[in-house]
Amino acid sequence: MTAPRIALWANLAVVVLGGLFLHPSCRGGGPEEKPTPLLQTSPSALEPSMEVTGRIVFQSDLDGDDDIYVLQGREVIKLTDNSWDDRYPRWSPDGQKIAYVANPKGNFDVFIREDRGGRMTPLTNSPEDEVDVAWAPDGKGIACSVEVKKILGKERSIWLIDIATGKRSRLIPGFSGPHQLPDLSPQLPQVVFTGKTGRGWDVFLFDLEDQVIREMTRGGESCRPRFSPDGERIAYVSHEADGKGDIWIMEADGGSPRRLTVRDDAYDYFPSWSPDGTRIVFCSNLKDKYADKGEWGLYVIDLQNGLVTLLFDSPGRDVFPDWR
C-alpha cells in the first residue's frame, strides 16, 4: 500500500462524526485467559479432519456458550473461557492479535487480545451492540457494525474505531439504508459491505478516495463479502442459485461472478480466504441459514478443482472462521 493510502486510513480513523471516547477506566485490561488445547477425548469431534496450514480462528458454542477457538495443524486451541459470549473473531493484519466482540456487561462491545494469551482489552464501552468486526489494513483501526434500536426494531450501520484514541466515525456516511458486515481491502482504500435496499440485501463497495458507492450484486440475494489476500477478488454468499446460500467469487471490480459451492441441500455461509488465496473456508449446515441455529461445521473448498472437504464439525455451532 502506498504512503498516501496508509495516511488516508489513518485520517479516517480519527475523524469523529458523533462518536465516543472510552473512559480511562475502560481502557485497561480485562480478565486474563490462557489458551489451552482441547482434551482429545473424542478425536472425531475435537480434531480437524486434515492438517491446517496457517491458523483459522472461529467461534463455537462447544462448551455451552460462544467462545473463540483456533485450528492450527492438527490441534484445536480454546482461546477464551468465560461465562459470556465471545463472537466474530478476526486476525489483525500482522496475525498477532484478534479482535472480537463480547458481552460481559450485557451488550456487545469490541475487544482485542493477543493471539498467545493475555488479557482482553476493551475498545468500546457503549450502550449499543457492536458486531461484525474487521481490521483496517494498517492495523490502527477496526470497523464494526453498530446496532441501534429503532421504534420498529433495530438497524445497523458501519463505523471505524481508532484503536489509539477510541474515537469512532461513520465509515460509509453516504449509504442511507441498513448496512453491516464490513471488510477492508488489503491493497486499496475500499470497503465491501452488505447493504439493504428495496430489493433486499446486496454486496456494495465503497471507495474512500472518491467517496463513490458501487452496487456489486443485484437482486437482493447476496451478502457477507470478503476480499482475497491480494485484494483482487471478493468472496461472498448468494442465494440466487438454490435459494439457500452458496459461496461465490467475483473480481474486485464486480466482474466474472462464479458460483463455487454447488450444494443445493446445504446452507453455505461465512467465507474466508486462505493466506495464499487458493482455498476458502466456510460454514455449512442442512437446516437453517442463521448462525444461532442449526448444526454448523467448517468446510474448505479448493478453488482450482472445486473439491469441498469437511474440516471441523464439533457437537457445537462452528461459525465465522478467519484464516491467517
C-alpha atoms as a PDB file:
ATOM      1  CA  MET A   1       0.000   0.000   0.000  1.00  0.00           C
ATOM      2  CA  THR A   2       1.359   3.441  -0.856  1.00  0.00           C
ATOM      3  CA  ALA A   3       2.057   6.090   1.785  1.00  0.00           C
ATOM      4  CA  PRO A   4      -0.889   8.330   0.760  1.00  0.00           C
ATOM      5  CA  ARG A   5      -3.282   5.401   1.073  1.00  0.00           C
ATOM      6  CA  ILE A   6      -1.953   4.485   4.518  1.00  0.00           C
ATOM      7  CA  ALA A   7      -2.373   8.108   5.552  1.00  0.00           C
ATOM      8  CA  LEU A   8      -5.936   8.057   4.263  1.00  0.00           C
ATOM      9  CA  TRP A   9      -6.827   5.137   6.552  1.00  0.00           C
ATOM     10  CA  ALA A  10      -5.134   6.870   9.497  1.00  0.00           C
ATOM     11  CA  ASN A  11      -7.018  10.115   8.859  1.00  0.00           C
ATOM     12  CA  LEU A  12     -10.322   8.283   8.598  1.00  0.00           C
ATOM     13  CA  ALA A  13      -9.761   6.652  11.942  1.00  0.00           C
ATOM     14  CA  VAL A  14      -9.562   9.972  13.819  1.00  0.00           C
ATOM     15  CA  VAL A  15     -12.471  11.828  12.223  1.00  0.00           C
ATOM     16  CA  VAL A  16     -15.358  11.918  14.682  1.00  0.00           C
ATOM     17  CA  LEU A  17     -18.922  12.336  13.489  1.00  0.00           C
ATOM     18  CA  GLY A  18     -20.667  11.959  16.806  1.00  0.00           C
ATOM     19  CA  GLY A  19     -18.687   9.095  18.298  1.00  0.00           C
ATOM     20  CA  LEU A  20     -17.331   8.036  21.674  1.00  0.00           C
ATOM     21  CA  PHE A  21     -14.256   8.222  23.850  1.00  0.00           C
ATOM     22  CA  LEU A  22     -13.572   5.390  26.225  1.00  0.00           C
ATOM     23  CA  HIS A  23     -13.349   6.414  29.845  1.00  0.00           C
ATOM     24  CA  PRO A  24      -9.804   5.773  31.147  1.00  0.00           C
ATOM     25  CA  SER A  25     -11.173   3.099  33.456  1.00  0.00           C
ATOM     26  CA  CYS A  26     -12.442   1.190  30.401  1.00  0.00           C
ATOM     27  CA  ARG A  27      -9.088   1.200  28.622  1.00  0.00           C
ATOM     28  CA  GLY A  28      -7.440  -1.233  30.993  1.00  0.00           C
ATOM     29  CA  GLY A  29      -7.216  -4.959  30.513  1.00  0.00           C
ATOM     30  CA  GLY A  30      -9.991  -7.365  31.364  1.00  0.00           C
ATOM     31  CA  PRO A  31      -9.697 -10.882  32.715  1.00  0.00           C
ATOM     32  CA  GLU A  32      -6.625 -12.816  31.656  1.00  0.00           C
ATOM     33  CA  GLU A  33      -7.321 -16.015  29.732  1.00  0.00           C
ATOM     34  CA  LYS A  34      -4.747 -18.638  28.807  1.00  0.00           C
ATOM     35  CA  PRO A  35      -5.169 -20.517  25.501  1.00  0.00           C
ATOM     36  CA  THR A  36      -5.457 -24.254  26.080  1.00  0.00           C
ATOM     37  CA  PRO A  37      -5.601 -27.277  23.740  1.00  0.00           C
ATOM     38  CA  LEU A  38      -8.868 -29.196  23.931  1.00  0.00           C
ATOM     39  CA  LEU A  39      -8.760 -32.625  25.540  1.00  0.00           C
ATOM     40  CA  GLN A  40      -8.686 -35.148  22.729  1.00  0.00           C
ATOM     41  CA  THR A  41     -11.251 -37.479  24.289  1.00  0.00           C
ATOM     42  CA  SER A  42     -13.197 -37.735  21.037  1.00  0.00           C
ATOM     43  CA  PRO A  43     -10.815 -37.295  18.107  1.00  0.00           C
ATOM     44  CA  SER A  44     -13.578 -37.391  15.508  1.00  0.00           C
ATOM     45  CA  ALA A  45     -15.293 -34.429  17.187  1.00  0.00           C
ATOM     46  CA  LEU A  46     -12.357 -32.432  18.540  1.00  0.00           C
ATOM     47  CA  GLU A  47      -9.696 -32.685  15.823  1.00  0.00           C
ATOM     48  CA  PRO A  48      -9.696 -31.136  12.353  1.00  0.00           C
ATOM     49  CA  SER A  49     -10.075 -33.737   9.617  1.00  0.00           C
ATOM     50  CA  MET A  50      -6.905 -32.538   7.914  1.00  0.00           C
ATOM     51  CA  GLU A  51      -3.828 -30.576   8.927  1.00  0.00           C
ATOM     52  CA  VAL A  52      -4.402 -26.831   8.780  1.00  0.00           C
ATOM     53  CA  THR A  53      -1.756 -24.694   7.099  1.00  0.00           C
ATOM     54  CA  GLY A  54      -1.688 -21.396   8.953  1.00  0.00           C
ATOM     55  CA  ARG A  55      -4.312 -20.731  11.622  1.00  0.00           C
ATOM     56  CA  ILE A  56      -8.088 -20.492  11.468  1.00  0.00           C
ATOM     57  CA  VAL A  57      -9.832 -18.635  14.277  1.00  0.00           C
ATOM     58  CA  PHE A  58     -13.546 -19.251  14.702  1.00  0.00           C
ATOM     59  CA  GLN A  59     -16.486 -19.106  17.092  1.00  0.00           C
ATOM     60  CA  SER A  60     -18.151 -22.150  18.653  1.00  0.00           C
ATOM     61  CA  ASP A  61     -20.636 -22.918  21.423  1.00  0.00           C
ATOM     62  CA  LEU A  62     -18.983 -26.279  22.010  1.00  0.00           C
ATOM     63  CA  ASP A  63     -18.989 -25.742  25.805  1.00  0.00           C
ATOM     64  CA  GLY A  64     -22.452 -24.182  26.011  1.00  0.00           C
ATOM     65  CA  ASP A  65     -21.746 -20.532  25.243  1.00  0.00           C
ATOM     66  CA  ASP A  66     -19.866 -18.860  22.390  1.00  0.00           C
ATOM     67  CA  ASP A  67     -16.069 -18.880  22.753  1.00  0.00           C
ATOM     68  CA  ILE A  68     -13.120 -18.272  20.430  1.00  0.00           C
ATOM     69  CA  TYR A  69     -11.087 -21.229  19.144  1.00  0.00           C
ATOM     70  CA  VAL A  70      -8.141 -21.684  16.779  1.00  0.00           C
ATOM     71  CA  LEU A  71      -7.407 -24.550  14.405  1.00  0.00           C
ATOM     72  CA  GLN A  72      -3.660 -24.974  13.990  1.00  0.00           C
ATOM     73  CA  GLY A  73      -2.045 -28.021  12.429  1.00  0.00           C
ATOM     74  CA  ARG A  74      -3.987 -30.964  13.861  1.00  0.00           C
ATOM     75  CA  GLU A  75      -4.861 -29.145  17.058  1.00  0.00           C
ATOM     76  CA  VAL A  76      -7.867 -27.166  18.319  1.00  0.00           C
ATOM     77  CA  ILE A  77      -6.957 -24.479  20.838  1.00  0.00           C
ATOM     78  CA  LYS A  78      -9.518 -22.717  23.034  1.00  0.00           C
ATOM     79  CA  LEU A  79      -8.638 -19.034  23.421  1.00  0.00           C
ATOM     80  CA  THR A  80     -11.472 -17.756  25.617  1.00  0.00           C
ATOM     81  CA  ASP A  81     -13.231 -19.453  28.515  1.00  0.00           C
ATOM     82  CA  ASN A  82     -15.766 -17.433  30.490  1.00  0.00           C
ATOM     83  CA  SER A  83     -19.481 -17.119  31.304  1.00  0.00           C
ATOM     84  CA  TRP A  84     -20.398 -14.711  28.484  1.00  0.00           C
ATOM     85  CA  ASP A  85     -20.406 -14.887  24.666  1.00  0.00           C
ATOM     86  CA  ASP A  86     -17.317 -14.142  22.527  1.00  0.00           C
ATOM     87  CA  ARG A  87     -18.110 -13.743  18.813  1.00  0.00           C
ATOM     88  CA  TYR A  88     -16.949 -12.662  15.330  1.00  0.00           C
ATOM     89  CA  PRO A  89     -13.154 -13.101  15.695  1.00  0.00           C
ATOM     90  CA  ARG A  90     -10.793 -11.529  13.142  1.00  0.00           C
ATOM     91  CA  TRP A  91      -6.989 -11.658  12.933  1.00  0.00           C
ATOM     92  CA  SER A  92      -5.038  -8.411  12.884  1.00  0.00           C
ATOM     93  CA  PRO A  93      -3.087  -7.773   9.650  1.00  0.00           C
ATOM     94  CA  ASP A  94       0.146  -8.935  11.312  1.00  0.00           C
ATOM     95  CA  GLY A  95      -1.530 -12.031  12.777  1.00  0.00           C
ATOM     96  CA  GLN A  96      -0.511 -11.144  16.333  1.00  0.00           C
ATOM     97  CA  LYS A  97      -3.872 -10.027  17.735  1.00  0.00           C
ATOM     98  CA  ILE A  98      -7.521 -10.956  17.488  1.00  0.00           C
ATOM     99  CA  ALA A  99     -10.422  -8.518  17.514  1.00  0.00           C
ATOM    100  CA  TYR A 100     -13.827  -9.845  18.521  1.00  0.00           C
ATOM    101  CA  VAL A 101     -16.990  -8.797  20.349  1.00  0.00           C
ATOM    102  CA  ALA A 102     -18.158  -9.959  23.769  1.00  0.00           C
ATOM    103  CA  ASN A 103     -20.992  -9.173  26.173  1.00  0.00           C
ATOM    104  CA  PRO A 104     -19.645  -9.386  29.752  1.00  0.00           C
ATOM    105  CA  LYS A 105     -21.846  -6.395  30.689  1.00  0.00           C
ATOM    106  CA  GLY A 106     -24.915  -7.406  28.702  1.00  0.00           C
ATOM    107  CA  ASN A 107     -24.492  -5.679  25.338  1.00  0.00           C
ATOM    108  CA  PHE A 108     -21.736  -6.496  22.832  1.00  0.00           C
ATOM    109  CA  ASP A 109     -18.561  -4.385  22.796  1.00  0.00           C
ATOM    110  CA  VAL A 110     -15.357  -4.724  20.770  1.00  0.00           C
ATOM    111  CA  PHE A 111     -12.314  -6.297  22.441  1.00  0.00           C
ATOM    112  CA  ILE A 112      -8.727  -7.022  21.396  1.00  0.00           C
ATOM    113  CA  ARG A 113      -6.483  -9.736  22.762  1.00  0.00           C
ATOM    114  CA  GLU A 114      -3.053 -11.105  21.994  1.00  0.00           C
ATOM    115  CA  ASP A 115      -3.050 -14.296  19.968  1.00  0.00           C
ATOM    116  CA  ARG A 116      -0.939 -16.209  22.512  1.00  0.00           C
ATOM    117  CA  GLY A 117      -2.932 -15.293  25.585  1.00  0.00           C
ATOM    118  CA  GLY A 118      -3.174 -12.385  27.977  1.00  0.00           C
ATOM    119  CA  ARG A 119      -5.942 -10.008  28.895  1.00  0.00           C
ATOM    120  CA  MET A 120      -8.919  -8.939  26.837  1.00  0.00           C
ATOM    121  CA  THR A 121      -8.682  -5.196  26.240  1.00  0.00           C
ATOM    122  CA  PRO A 122     -11.961  -3.324  25.631  1.00  0.00           C
ATOM    123  CA  LEU A 123     -12.052  -0.973  22.658  1.00  0.00           C
ATOM    124  CA  THR A 124     -15.639   0.230  23.120  1.00  0.00           C
ATOM    125  CA  ASN A 125     -17.952   0.756  26.064  1.00  0.00           C
ATOM    126  CA  SER A 126     -21.273   1.912  24.670  1.00  0.00           C
ATOM    127  CA  PRO A 127     -24.958   1.098  25.146  1.00  0.00           C
ATOM    128  CA  GLU A 128     -25.269  -0.165  21.558  1.00  0.00           C
ATOM    129  CA  ASP A 129     -24.271  -3.591  20.289  1.00  0.00           C
ATOM    130  CA  GLU A 130     -21.088  -3.614  18.187  1.00  0.00           C
ATOM    131  CA  VAL A 131     -20.678  -6.697  15.980  1.00  0.00           C
ATOM    132  CA  ASP A 132     -19.029  -7.911  12.747  1.00  0.00           C
ATOM    133  CA  VAL A 133     -15.503  -6.560  13.246  1.00  0.00           C
ATOM    134  CA  ALA A 134     -12.863  -6.028  10.530  1.00  0.00           C
ATOM    135  CA  TRP A 135      -9.349  -4.552  10.751  1.00  0.00           C
ATOM    136  CA  ALA A 136      -8.033  -1.597   8.794  1.00  0.00           C
ATOM    137  CA  PRO A 137      -5.045  -2.770   6.701  1.00  0.00           C
ATOM    138  CA  ASP A 138      -2.604  -0.655   8.727  1.00  0.00           C
ATOM    139  CA  GLY A 139      -3.781  -2.277  11.972  1.00  0.00           C
ATOM    140  CA  LYS A 140      -4.660   1.099  13.523  1.00  0.00           C
ATOM    141  CA  GLY A 141      -8.423   0.932  13.208  1.00  0.00           C
ATOM    142  CA  ILE A 142     -11.273  -1.545  13.444  1.00  0.00           C
ATOM    143  CA  ALA A 143     -14.522  -1.325  11.518  1.00  0.00           C
ATOM    144  CA  CYS A 144     -17.661  -2.805  13.004  1.00  0.00           C
ATOM    145  CA  SER A 145     -21.412  -2.837  12.630  1.00  0.00           C
ATOM    146  CA  VAL A 146     -23.178  -0.778  15.301  1.00  0.00           C
ATOM    147  CA  GLU A 147     -26.721  -1.878  16.074  1.00  0.00           C
ATOM    148  CA  VAL A 148     -29.076   0.867  17.218  1.00  0.00           C
ATOM    149  CA  LYS A 149     -32.597   0.222  18.498  1.00  0.00           C
ATOM    150  CA  LYS A 150     -35.366   1.856  16.489  1.00  0.00           C
ATOM    151  CA  ILE A 151     -39.073   2.214  17.192  1.00  0.00           C
ATOM    152  CA  LEU A 152     -39.832  -0.670  14.845  1.00  0.00           C
ATOM    153  CA  GLY A 153     -36.812  -2.835  15.550  1.00  0.00           C
ATOM    154  CA  LYS A 154     -33.051  -2.466  15.110  1.00  0.00           C
ATOM    155  CA  GLU A 155     -30.809  -1.048  12.396  1.00  0.00           C
ATOM    156  CA  ARG A 156     -27.081  -1.473  11.763  1.00  0.00           C
ATOM    157  CA  SER A 157     -24.540   0.902  10.254  1.00  0.00           C
ATOM    158  CA  ILE A 158     -20.757   0.658   9.847  1.00  0.00           C
ATOM    159  CA  TRP A 159     -18.294   2.698  11.910  1.00  0.00           C
ATOM    160  CA  LEU A 160     -14.488   2.898  12.100  1.00  0.00           C
ATOM    161  CA  ILE A 161     -12.855   2.981  15.536  1.00  0.00           C
ATOM    162  CA  ASP A 162      -9.371   4.390  16.098  1.00  0.00           C
ATOM    163  CA  ILE A 163      -7.542   1.938  18.364  1.00  0.00           C
ATOM    164  CA  ALA A 164      -5.233   4.530  19.921  1.00  0.00           C
ATOM    165  CA  THR A 165      -7.954   7.006  20.946  1.00  0.00           C
ATOM    166  CA  GLY A 166     -11.215   5.067  20.965  1.00  0.00           C
ATOM    167  CA  LYS A 167     -12.822   7.658  18.695  1.00  0.00           C
ATOM    168  CA  ARG A 168     -15.276   6.395  16.126  1.00  0.00           C
ATOM    169  CA  SER A 169     -16.560   7.816  12.859  1.00  0.00           C
ATOM    170  CA  ARG A 170     -19.195   6.803  10.362  1.00  0.00           C
ATOM    171  CA  LEU A 171     -17.318   4.843   7.699  1.00  0.00           C
ATOM    172  CA  ILE A 172     -19.922   4.952   4.912  1.00  0.00           C
ATOM    173  CA  PRO A 173     -21.933   8.142   5.544  1.00  0.00           C
ATOM    174  CA  GLY A 174     -23.494   8.146   2.057  1.00  0.00           C
ATOM    175  CA  PHE A 175     -25.442   4.896   2.484  1.00  0.00           C
ATOM    176  CA  SER A 176     -28.899   5.672   3.821  1.00  0.00           C
ATOM    177  CA  GLY A 177     -30.239   2.167   4.459  1.00  0.00           C
ATOM    178  CA  PRO A 178     -29.164  -0.510   6.933  1.00  0.00           C
ATOM    179  CA  HIS A 179     -25.661  -1.800   6.242  1.00  0.00           C
ATOM    180  CA  GLN A 180     -23.281  -4.152   8.020  1.00  0.00           C
ATOM    181  CA  LEU A 181     -20.560  -6.832   7.701  1.00  0.00           C
ATOM    182  CA  PRO A 182     -17.629  -4.674   6.508  1.00  0.00           C
ATOM    183  CA  ASP A 183     -14.380  -5.942   5.034  1.00  0.00           C
ATOM    184  CA  LEU A 184     -11.494  -3.613   4.154  1.00  0.00           C
ATOM    185  CA  SER A 185      -9.262  -4.126   1.155  1.00  0.00           C
ATOM    186  CA  PRO A 186      -5.649  -5.033   1.978  1.00  0.00           C
ATOM    187  CA  GLN A 187      -4.450  -3.060  -1.057  1.00  0.00           C
ATOM    188  CA  LEU A 188      -6.774  -0.133  -1.783  1.00  0.00           C
ATOM    189  CA  PRO A 189      -8.807   2.287   0.364  1.00  0.00           C
ATOM    190  CA  GLN A 190     -12.009   0.376  -0.309  1.00  0.00           C
ATOM    191  CA  VAL A 191     -14.670  -1.265   1.842  1.00  0.00           C
ATOM    192  CA  VAL A 192     -17.054  -4.020   0.791  1.00  0.00           C
ATOM    193  CA  PHE A 193     -20.183  -4.496   2.844  1.00  0.00           C
ATOM    194  CA  THR A 194     -23.728  -5.832   2.898  1.00  0.00           C
ATOM    195  CA  GLY A 195     -26.398  -3.191   2.388  1.00  0.00           C
ATOM    196  CA  LYS A 196     -30.165  -3.265   2.208  1.00  0.00           C
ATOM    197  CA  THR A 197     -32.253  -1.593  -0.482  1.00  0.00           C
ATOM    198  CA  GLY A 198     -35.861  -2.067  -1.553  1.00  0.00           C
ATOM    199  CA  ARG A 199     -34.955  -5.389  -3.197  1.00  0.00           C
ATOM    200  CA  GLY A 200     -33.241  -6.874  -0.165  1.00  0.00           C
ATOM    201  CA  TRP A 201     -29.588  -7.376   0.824  1.00  0.00           C
ATOM    202  CA  ASP A 202     -26.763  -6.968  -1.711  1.00  0.00           C
ATOM    203  CA  VAL A 203     -22.997  -6.535  -1.818  1.00  0.00           C
ATOM    204  CA  PHE A 204     -21.696  -2.972  -2.169  1.00  0.00           C
ATOM    205  CA  LEU A 205     -18.218  -1.436  -2.495  1.00  0.00           C
ATOM    206  CA  PHE A 206     -17.310   1.992  -1.116  1.00  0.00           C
ATOM    207  CA  ASP A 207     -14.230   3.788  -2.464  1.00  0.00           C
ATOM    208  CA  LEU A 208     -12.839   6.014   0.266  1.00  0.00           C
ATOM    209  CA  GLU A 209     -10.861   8.174  -2.154  1.00  0.00           C
ATOM    210  CA  ASP A 210     -13.649   9.242  -4.490  1.00  0.00           C
ATOM    211  CA  GLN A 211     -16.474   8.583  -1.957  1.00  0.00           C
ATOM    212  CA  VAL A 212     -18.424   6.531  -4.526  1.00  0.00           C
ATOM    213  CA  ILE A 213     -20.637   3.579  -3.564  1.00  0.00           C
ATOM    214  CA  ARG A 214     -20.912   0.824  -6.171  1.00  0.00           C
ATOM    215  CA  GLU A 215     -23.554  -1.900  -6.258  1.00  0.00           C
ATOM    216  CA  MET A 216     -21.652  -5.150  -6.846  1.00  0.00           C
ATOM    217  CA  THR A 217     -24.644  -7.521  -6.925  1.00  0.00           C
ATOM    218  CA  ARG A 218     -28.289  -7.016  -7.773  1.00  0.00           C
ATOM    219  CA  GLY A 219     -31.422  -8.888  -6.900  1.00  0.00           C
ATOM    220  CA  GLY A 220     -31.416  -8.649  -3.109  1.00  0.00           C
ATOM    221  CA  GLU A 221     -29.945 -12.116  -2.503  1.00  0.00           C
ATOM    222  CA  SER A 222     -26.235 -11.571  -1.663  1.00  0.00           C
ATOM    223  CA  CYS A 223     -24.263 -10.796   1.479  1.00  0.00           C
ATOM    224  CA  ARG A 224     -21.057 -11.274   3.526  1.00  0.00           C
ATOM    225  CA  PRO A 225     -18.305 -10.159   1.098  1.00  0.00           C
ATOM    226  CA  ARG A 226     -14.618 -10.761   1.866  1.00  0.00           C
ATOM    227  CA  PHE A 227     -11.565  -9.538  -0.071  1.00  0.00           C
ATOM    228  CA  SER A 228      -8.923 -12.037  -1.161  1.00  0.00           C
ATOM    229  CA  PRO A 229      -5.442 -11.555   0.371  1.00  0.00           C
ATOM    230  CA  ASP A 230      -4.232  -9.724  -2.755  1.00  0.00           C
ATOM    231  CA  GLY A 231      -7.381  -7.590  -2.918  1.00  0.00           C
ATOM    232  CA  GLU A 232      -8.156  -8.680  -6.474  1.00  0.00           C
ATOM    233  CA  ARG A 233     -11.202 -10.882  -5.789  1.00  0.00           C
ATOM    234  CA  ILE A 234     -14.204 -10.914  -3.490  1.00  0.00           C
ATOM    235  CA  ALA A 235     -15.854 -13.965  -1.980  1.00  0.00           C
ATOM    236  CA  TYR A 236     -19.475 -13.611  -0.981  1.00  0.00           C
ATOM    237  CA  VAL A 237     -22.696 -15.517  -0.314  1.00  0.00           C
ATOM    238  CA  SER A 238     -25.557 -15.644  -2.816  1.00  0.00           C
ATOM    239  CA  HIS A 239     -28.989 -17.283  -2.673  1.00  0.00           C
ATOM    240  CA  GLU A 240     -29.680 -16.920  -6.384  1.00  0.00           C
ATOM    241  CA  ALA A 241     -28.766 -20.486  -7.405  1.00  0.00           C
ATOM    242  CA  ASP A 242     -30.532 -22.641  -4.812  1.00  0.00           C
ATOM    243  CA  GLY A 243     -32.447 -20.228  -2.589  1.00  0.00           C
ATOM    244  CA  LYS A 244     -30.388 -21.229   0.447  1.00  0.00           C
ATOM    245  CA  GLY A 245     -26.861 -19.885   0.099  1.00  0.00           C
ATOM    246  CA  ASP A 246     -23.675 -20.713  -1.786  1.00  0.00           C
ATOM    247  CA  ILE A 247     -20.145 -19.352  -1.802  1.00  0.00           C
ATOM    248  CA  TRP A 248     -19.418 -17.243  -4.893  1.00  0.00           C
ATOM    249  CA  ILE A 249     -16.429 -15.201  -6.026  1.00  0.00           C
ATOM    250  CA  MET A 250     -16.065 -12.222  -8.363  1.00  0.00           C
ATOM    251  CA  GLU A 251     -13.353  -9.841  -9.469  1.00  0.00           C
ATOM    252  CA  ALA A 252     -12.813  -6.790  -7.272  1.00  0.00           C
ATOM    253  CA  ASP A 253     -14.441  -4.648  -9.973  1.00  0.00           C
ATOM    254  CA  GLY A 254     -17.585  -6.807  -9.845  1.00  0.00           C
ATOM    255  CA  GLY A 255     -16.825  -8.793 -12.988  1.00  0.00           C
ATOM    256  CA  SER A 256     -16.895 -12.552 -13.638  1.00  0.00           C
ATOM    257  CA  PRO A 257     -19.133 -13.743 -10.792  1.00  0.00           C
ATOM    258  CA  ARG A 258     -18.789 -17.503 -10.324  1.00  0.00           C
ATOM    259  CA  ARG A 259     -20.565 -19.998  -8.080  1.00  0.00           C
ATOM    260  CA  LEU A 260     -18.127 -22.144  -6.097  1.00  0.00           C
ATOM    261  CA  THR A 261     -20.232 -24.422  -3.902  1.00  0.00           C
ATOM    262  CA  VAL A 262     -22.872 -26.491  -5.669  1.00  0.00           C
ATOM    263  CA  ARG A 263     -24.614 -27.952  -2.635  1.00  0.00           C
ATOM    264  CA  ASP A 264     -28.350 -27.474  -3.086  1.00  0.00           C
ATOM    265  CA  ASP A 265     -29.175 -29.286   0.159  1.00  0.00           C
ATOM    266  CA  ALA A 266     -26.963 -27.065   2.334  1.00  0.00           C
ATOM    267  CA  TYR A 267     -26.685 -23.507   3.596  1.00  0.00           C
ATOM    268  CA  ASP A 268     -23.120 -22.370   2.785  1.00  0.00           C
ATOM    269  CA  TYR A 269     -22.091 -19.132   4.512  1.00  0.00           C
ATOM    270  CA  PHE A 270     -19.302 -17.055   6.101  1.00  0.00           C
ATOM    271  CA  PRO A 271     -16.415 -17.398   3.581  1.00  0.00           C
ATOM    272  CA  SER A 272     -12.806 -16.575   4.442  1.00  0.00           C
ATOM    273  CA  TRP A 273      -9.768 -16.914   2.153  1.00  0.00           C
ATOM    274  CA  SER A 274      -6.669 -18.989   2.823  1.00  0.00           C
ATOM    275  CA  PRO A 275      -3.489 -16.888   3.100  1.00  0.00           C
ATOM    276  CA  ASP A 276      -2.362 -17.952  -0.397  1.00  0.00           C
ATOM    277  CA  GLY A 277      -5.779 -17.292  -1.964  1.00  0.00           C
ATOM    278  CA  THR A 278      -6.188 -20.834  -3.325  1.00  0.00           C
ATOM    279  CA  ARG A 279      -8.870 -22.066  -0.914  1.00  0.00           C
ATOM    280  CA  ILE A 280     -11.808 -20.721   1.057  1.00  0.00           C
ATOM    281  CA  VAL A 281     -13.012 -21.898   4.452  1.00  0.00           C
ATOM    282  CA  PHE A 282     -16.728 -21.550   5.042  1.00  0.00           C
ATOM    283  CA  CYS A 283     -19.533 -22.820   7.275  1.00  0.00           C
ATOM    284  CA  SER A 284     -22.404 -25.064   6.330  1.00  0.00           C
ATOM    285  CA  ASN A 285     -25.463 -26.801   7.715  1.00  0.00           C
ATOM    286  CA  LEU A 286     -28.561 -28.533   6.392  1.00  0.00           C
ATOM    287  CA  LYS A 287     -31.243 -26.860   8.476  1.00  0.00           C
ATOM    288  CA  ASP A 288     -31.042 -23.100   8.838  1.00  0.00           C
ATOM    289  CA  LYS A 289     -29.218 -20.090   7.407  1.00  0.00           C
ATOM    290  CA  TYR A 290     -28.947 -18.317  10.767  1.00  0.00           C
ATOM    291  CA  ALA A 291     -25.749 -18.793  12.735  1.00  0.00           C
ATOM    292  CA  ASP A 292     -27.549 -19.069  16.064  1.00  0.00           C
ATOM    293  CA  LYS A 293     -29.464 -22.143  14.886  1.00  0.00           C
ATOM    294  CA  GLY A 294     -28.627 -25.483  13.295  1.00  0.00           C
ATOM    295  CA  GLU A 295     -25.510 -27.642  13.468  1.00  0.00           C
ATOM    296  CA  TRP A 296     -22.821 -25.674  11.665  1.00  0.00           C
ATOM    297  CA  GLY A 297     -19.448 -27.139  10.658  1.00  0.00           C
ATOM    298  CA  LEU A 298     -16.343 -25.787   8.920  1.00  0.00           C
ATOM    299  CA  TYR A 299     -15.575 -26.801   5.334  1.00  0.00           C
ATOM    300  CA  VAL A 300     -12.845 -25.930   2.829  1.00  0.00           C
ATOM    301  CA  ILE A 301     -13.209 -25.586  -0.932  1.00  0.00           C
ATOM    302  CA  ASP A 302     -10.270 -25.732  -3.341  1.00  0.00           C
ATOM    303  CA  LEU A 303     -10.712 -23.033  -5.997  1.00  0.00           C
ATOM    304  CA  GLN A 304      -8.836 -24.976  -8.654  1.00  0.00           C
ATOM    305  CA  ASN A 305     -10.794 -28.232  -8.601  1.00  0.00           C
ATOM    306  CA  GLY A 306     -13.927 -27.299  -6.643  1.00  0.00           C
ATOM    307  CA  LEU A 307     -13.346 -30.084  -4.109  1.00  0.00           C
ATOM    308  CA  VAL A 308     -15.181 -29.493  -0.811  1.00  0.00           C
ATOM    309  CA  THR A 309     -13.696 -31.071   2.328  1.00  0.00           C
ATOM    310  CA  LEU A 310     -15.150 -31.184   5.825  1.00  0.00           C
ATOM    311  CA  LEU A 311     -12.562 -29.543   8.079  1.00  0.00           C
ATOM    312  CA  PHE A 312     -14.094 -29.497  11.564  1.00  0.00           C
ATOM    313  CA  ASP A 313     -17.515 -30.300  12.964  1.00  0.00           C
ATOM    314  CA  SER A 314     -17.856 -30.333  16.731  1.00  0.00           C
ATOM    315  CA  PRO A 315     -21.095 -31.011  18.616  1.00  0.00           C
ATOM    316  CA  GLY A 316     -21.497 -27.217  18.741  1.00  0.00           C
ATOM    317  CA  ARG A 317     -22.051 -24.467  16.146  1.00  0.00           C
ATOM    318  CA  ASP A 318     -18.702 -23.753  14.495  1.00  0.00           C
ATOM    319  CA  VAL A 319     -19.036 -20.443  12.633  1.00  0.00           C
ATOM    320  CA  PHE A 320     -17.357 -17.190  11.497  1.00  0.00           C
ATOM    321  CA  PRO A 321     -13.903 -18.511  10.517  1.00  0.00           C
ATOM    322  CA  ASP A 322     -10.999 -16.209   9.706  1.00  0.00           C
ATOM    323  CA  TRP A 323      -7.826 -17.732   8.145  1.00  0.00           C
ATOM    324  CA  ARG A 324      -4.267 -16.448   8.632  1.00  0.00           C
END
